[in-house]
Structures are given as C-alpha cells and as structure tokens.
N, C-alpha and C. Protein backbone atom coordinates (compact mmCIF):
# COMPACT_ATOMS: atom_id res chain seq x y z
N MET A 1 6.39 -1.06 -22.10
CA MET A 1 5.90 -2.23 -21.40
C MET A 1 6.62 -3.48 -21.89
N GLU A 2 6.85 -4.34 -20.97
CA GLU A 2 7.48 -5.62 -21.28
C GLU A 2 6.45 -6.72 -21.06
N LYS A 3 6.55 -7.79 -21.83
CA LYS A 3 5.63 -8.92 -21.70
C LYS A 3 6.44 -10.18 -21.47
N GLN A 4 6.07 -10.93 -20.44
CA GLN A 4 6.76 -12.18 -20.10
C GLN A 4 5.73 -13.28 -19.89
N ILE A 5 6.11 -14.50 -20.21
CA ILE A 5 5.28 -15.66 -19.93
C ILE A 5 6.04 -16.53 -18.94
N LEU A 6 5.38 -16.81 -17.81
CA LEU A 6 5.98 -17.64 -16.77
C LEU A 6 5.17 -18.92 -16.64
N ILE A 7 5.84 -20.02 -16.33
CA ILE A 7 5.17 -21.29 -16.06
C ILE A 7 4.97 -21.38 -14.55
N VAL A 8 3.70 -21.56 -14.14
CA VAL A 8 3.36 -21.61 -12.72
C VAL A 8 2.82 -23.01 -12.40
N GLU A 9 3.50 -23.70 -11.50
CA GLU A 9 3.11 -25.05 -11.11
C GLU A 9 2.18 -25.01 -9.89
N GLY A 10 1.23 -25.94 -9.85
CA GLY A 10 0.38 -26.09 -8.69
C GLY A 10 -1.01 -25.51 -8.83
N MET A 11 -1.29 -24.82 -9.91
CA MET A 11 -2.62 -24.26 -10.12
C MET A 11 -3.53 -25.34 -10.71
N SER A 12 -4.78 -25.41 -10.20
CA SER A 12 -5.68 -26.44 -10.70
C SER A 12 -7.12 -25.99 -10.86
N CYS A 13 -7.45 -24.75 -10.44
CA CYS A 13 -8.85 -24.35 -10.46
C CYS A 13 -8.98 -22.84 -10.64
N GLY A 14 -10.21 -22.39 -10.72
CA GLY A 14 -10.48 -20.97 -10.89
C GLY A 14 -9.98 -20.13 -9.72
N HIS A 15 -10.05 -20.70 -8.51
CA HIS A 15 -9.54 -19.98 -7.34
C HIS A 15 -8.03 -19.75 -7.48
N CYS A 16 -7.32 -20.76 -7.92
CA CYS A 16 -5.86 -20.64 -8.12
C CYS A 16 -5.56 -19.54 -9.13
N LYS A 17 -6.27 -19.58 -10.24
CA LYS A 17 -6.11 -18.59 -11.30
C LYS A 17 -6.33 -17.19 -10.76
N ASN A 18 -7.44 -17.01 -10.04
CA ASN A 18 -7.78 -15.70 -9.49
C ASN A 18 -6.75 -15.22 -8.48
N ALA A 19 -6.27 -16.12 -7.62
CA ALA A 19 -5.28 -15.75 -6.60
C ALA A 19 -4.00 -15.23 -7.24
N VAL A 20 -3.53 -15.92 -8.26
CA VAL A 20 -2.29 -15.52 -8.93
C VAL A 20 -2.48 -14.20 -9.67
N GLU A 21 -3.56 -14.10 -10.45
CA GLU A 21 -3.81 -12.87 -11.20
C GLU A 21 -3.96 -11.66 -10.28
N THR A 22 -4.71 -11.82 -9.20
CA THR A 22 -4.94 -10.72 -8.26
C THR A 22 -3.64 -10.28 -7.60
N ALA A 23 -2.82 -11.23 -7.17
CA ALA A 23 -1.56 -10.90 -6.51
C ALA A 23 -0.62 -10.15 -7.44
N VAL A 24 -0.54 -10.59 -8.68
CA VAL A 24 0.37 -9.96 -9.64
C VAL A 24 -0.15 -8.58 -10.05
N LYS A 25 -1.45 -8.47 -10.29
CA LYS A 25 -2.03 -7.19 -10.69
C LYS A 25 -1.91 -6.13 -9.59
N ALA A 26 -1.79 -6.57 -8.34
CA ALA A 26 -1.68 -5.63 -7.21
C ALA A 26 -0.32 -4.93 -7.16
N LEU A 27 0.65 -5.46 -7.87
CA LEU A 27 1.99 -4.86 -7.87
C LEU A 27 2.01 -3.58 -8.70
N ALA A 28 2.66 -2.56 -8.17
CA ALA A 28 2.84 -1.32 -8.93
C ALA A 28 3.65 -1.62 -10.18
N GLY A 29 3.22 -1.09 -11.31
CA GLY A 29 3.94 -1.30 -12.56
C GLY A 29 3.42 -2.42 -13.41
N VAL A 30 2.49 -3.22 -12.87
CA VAL A 30 1.90 -4.32 -13.65
C VAL A 30 0.65 -3.80 -14.35
N ALA A 31 0.65 -3.92 -15.68
CA ALA A 31 -0.48 -3.45 -16.48
C ALA A 31 -1.53 -4.54 -16.67
N GLY A 32 -1.10 -5.80 -16.65
CA GLY A 32 -2.04 -6.89 -16.84
C GLY A 32 -1.43 -8.23 -16.52
N ALA A 33 -2.30 -9.16 -16.12
CA ALA A 33 -1.85 -10.52 -15.81
C ALA A 33 -2.98 -11.48 -16.18
N HIS A 34 -2.63 -12.54 -16.90
CA HIS A 34 -3.63 -13.53 -17.30
C HIS A 34 -3.05 -14.93 -17.15
N VAL A 35 -3.82 -15.78 -16.48
CA VAL A 35 -3.41 -17.18 -16.28
C VAL A 35 -4.21 -18.07 -17.22
N ASP A 36 -3.51 -18.99 -17.87
CA ASP A 36 -4.14 -20.05 -18.67
C ASP A 36 -3.90 -21.35 -17.91
N LEU A 37 -4.95 -21.87 -17.27
CA LEU A 37 -4.79 -23.09 -16.46
C LEU A 37 -4.34 -24.29 -17.28
N ALA A 38 -4.83 -24.40 -18.51
CA ALA A 38 -4.51 -25.56 -19.35
C ALA A 38 -3.01 -25.66 -19.64
N THR A 39 -2.37 -24.52 -19.84
CA THR A 39 -0.95 -24.52 -20.17
C THR A 39 -0.06 -24.15 -18.98
N LYS A 40 -0.69 -23.80 -17.85
CA LYS A 40 0.02 -23.37 -16.64
C LYS A 40 0.83 -22.10 -16.87
N GLN A 41 0.38 -21.27 -17.80
CA GLN A 41 1.13 -20.06 -18.14
C GLN A 41 0.51 -18.81 -17.53
N LEU A 42 1.38 -17.98 -17.00
CA LEU A 42 1.01 -16.64 -16.55
C LEU A 42 1.63 -15.66 -17.54
N THR A 43 0.78 -14.91 -18.23
CA THR A 43 1.26 -13.87 -19.12
C THR A 43 1.11 -12.56 -18.38
N VAL A 44 2.21 -11.83 -18.26
CA VAL A 44 2.19 -10.59 -17.49
C VAL A 44 2.81 -9.46 -18.31
N GLU A 45 2.14 -8.32 -18.30
CA GLU A 45 2.65 -7.11 -18.94
C GLU A 45 3.01 -6.13 -17.84
N PHE A 46 4.23 -5.61 -17.88
CA PHE A 46 4.69 -4.76 -16.79
C PHE A 46 5.73 -3.76 -17.25
N ASP A 47 5.90 -2.73 -16.43
CA ASP A 47 6.91 -1.70 -16.67
C ASP A 47 8.15 -2.12 -15.89
N ALA A 48 9.18 -2.54 -16.59
CA ALA A 48 10.40 -3.05 -15.95
C ALA A 48 11.13 -1.97 -15.15
N ALA A 49 10.81 -0.71 -15.38
CA ALA A 49 11.42 0.36 -14.62
C ALA A 49 10.79 0.49 -13.23
N VAL A 50 9.61 -0.12 -13.06
CA VAL A 50 8.87 0.00 -11.81
C VAL A 50 8.90 -1.31 -11.01
N VAL A 51 8.77 -2.43 -11.70
CA VAL A 51 8.69 -3.73 -11.02
C VAL A 51 9.57 -4.73 -11.77
N SER A 52 10.25 -5.59 -11.03
CA SER A 52 11.13 -6.58 -11.66
C SER A 52 10.41 -7.91 -11.81
N ILE A 53 10.94 -8.74 -12.68
CA ILE A 53 10.37 -10.08 -12.87
C ILE A 53 10.52 -10.90 -11.59
N ASP A 54 11.56 -10.64 -10.81
CA ASP A 54 11.74 -11.35 -9.54
C ASP A 54 10.64 -10.97 -8.55
N GLN A 55 10.22 -9.71 -8.54
CA GLN A 55 9.14 -9.30 -7.66
C GLN A 55 7.82 -9.96 -8.07
N ILE A 56 7.63 -10.11 -9.37
CA ILE A 56 6.43 -10.78 -9.87
C ILE A 56 6.46 -12.25 -9.45
N LYS A 57 7.60 -12.90 -9.61
CA LYS A 57 7.74 -14.30 -9.19
C LYS A 57 7.48 -14.45 -7.69
N ASP A 58 8.00 -13.51 -6.91
CA ASP A 58 7.80 -13.55 -5.45
C ASP A 58 6.31 -13.45 -5.11
N ALA A 59 5.57 -12.59 -5.81
CA ALA A 59 4.14 -12.43 -5.56
C ALA A 59 3.40 -13.73 -5.84
N VAL A 60 3.79 -14.44 -6.88
CA VAL A 60 3.18 -15.74 -7.21
C VAL A 60 3.51 -16.76 -6.13
N GLU A 61 4.77 -16.81 -5.74
CA GLU A 61 5.21 -17.79 -4.75
C GLU A 61 4.58 -17.53 -3.38
N GLU A 62 4.30 -16.26 -3.05
CA GLU A 62 3.64 -15.93 -1.79
C GLU A 62 2.21 -16.48 -1.75
N GLN A 63 1.63 -16.76 -2.91
CA GLN A 63 0.30 -17.35 -2.97
C GLN A 63 0.36 -18.87 -2.86
N GLY A 64 1.56 -19.44 -2.80
CA GLY A 64 1.73 -20.88 -2.62
C GLY A 64 2.00 -21.68 -3.88
N TYR A 65 2.37 -21.00 -4.94
CA TYR A 65 2.63 -21.68 -6.23
C TYR A 65 4.10 -21.54 -6.59
N ASP A 66 4.57 -22.46 -7.41
CA ASP A 66 5.98 -22.46 -7.83
C ASP A 66 6.09 -21.92 -9.25
N VAL A 67 7.07 -21.04 -9.45
CA VAL A 67 7.36 -20.53 -10.78
C VAL A 67 8.52 -21.34 -11.34
N ALA A 68 8.29 -22.00 -12.48
CA ALA A 68 9.31 -22.86 -13.08
C ALA A 68 10.38 -22.03 -13.77
C-alpha cells in the first residue's frame, strides 16, 4: 500500500469532506481516505498497482474540488 497526502481546495464543510472521502473510497484499490478540513489535506492509502494517483485526483475533481 502507498500513502499520499493531497491538498484539496474548495472544501469548507462536512458535506464537502464526505463527498471527497466517498468518491475516493469508491475507487478500486483504495484502502482508505480521510479529509482534514482544517489543513485541506486528503490522506489516501491505495494500491498503486490497481489505481493511480491521477485517477484519485480525477475523482476529487469530479466532485467539484481542485487538487493543488
């Protein structure tokens, strides 16, 4: 498993947090995703052989948020 921290812009509430976490967790190969609203960080654990970091970024952006 690989662990990455991404900065996600535009999140401001619990709904935002839930939308991002749910979208990322739905991807095959993602073991976990946690958003910290205070720091704007998405911590994601994933199997790089199954899902790429670009696919994870795309899932976040499809929810309407920007990955820095």
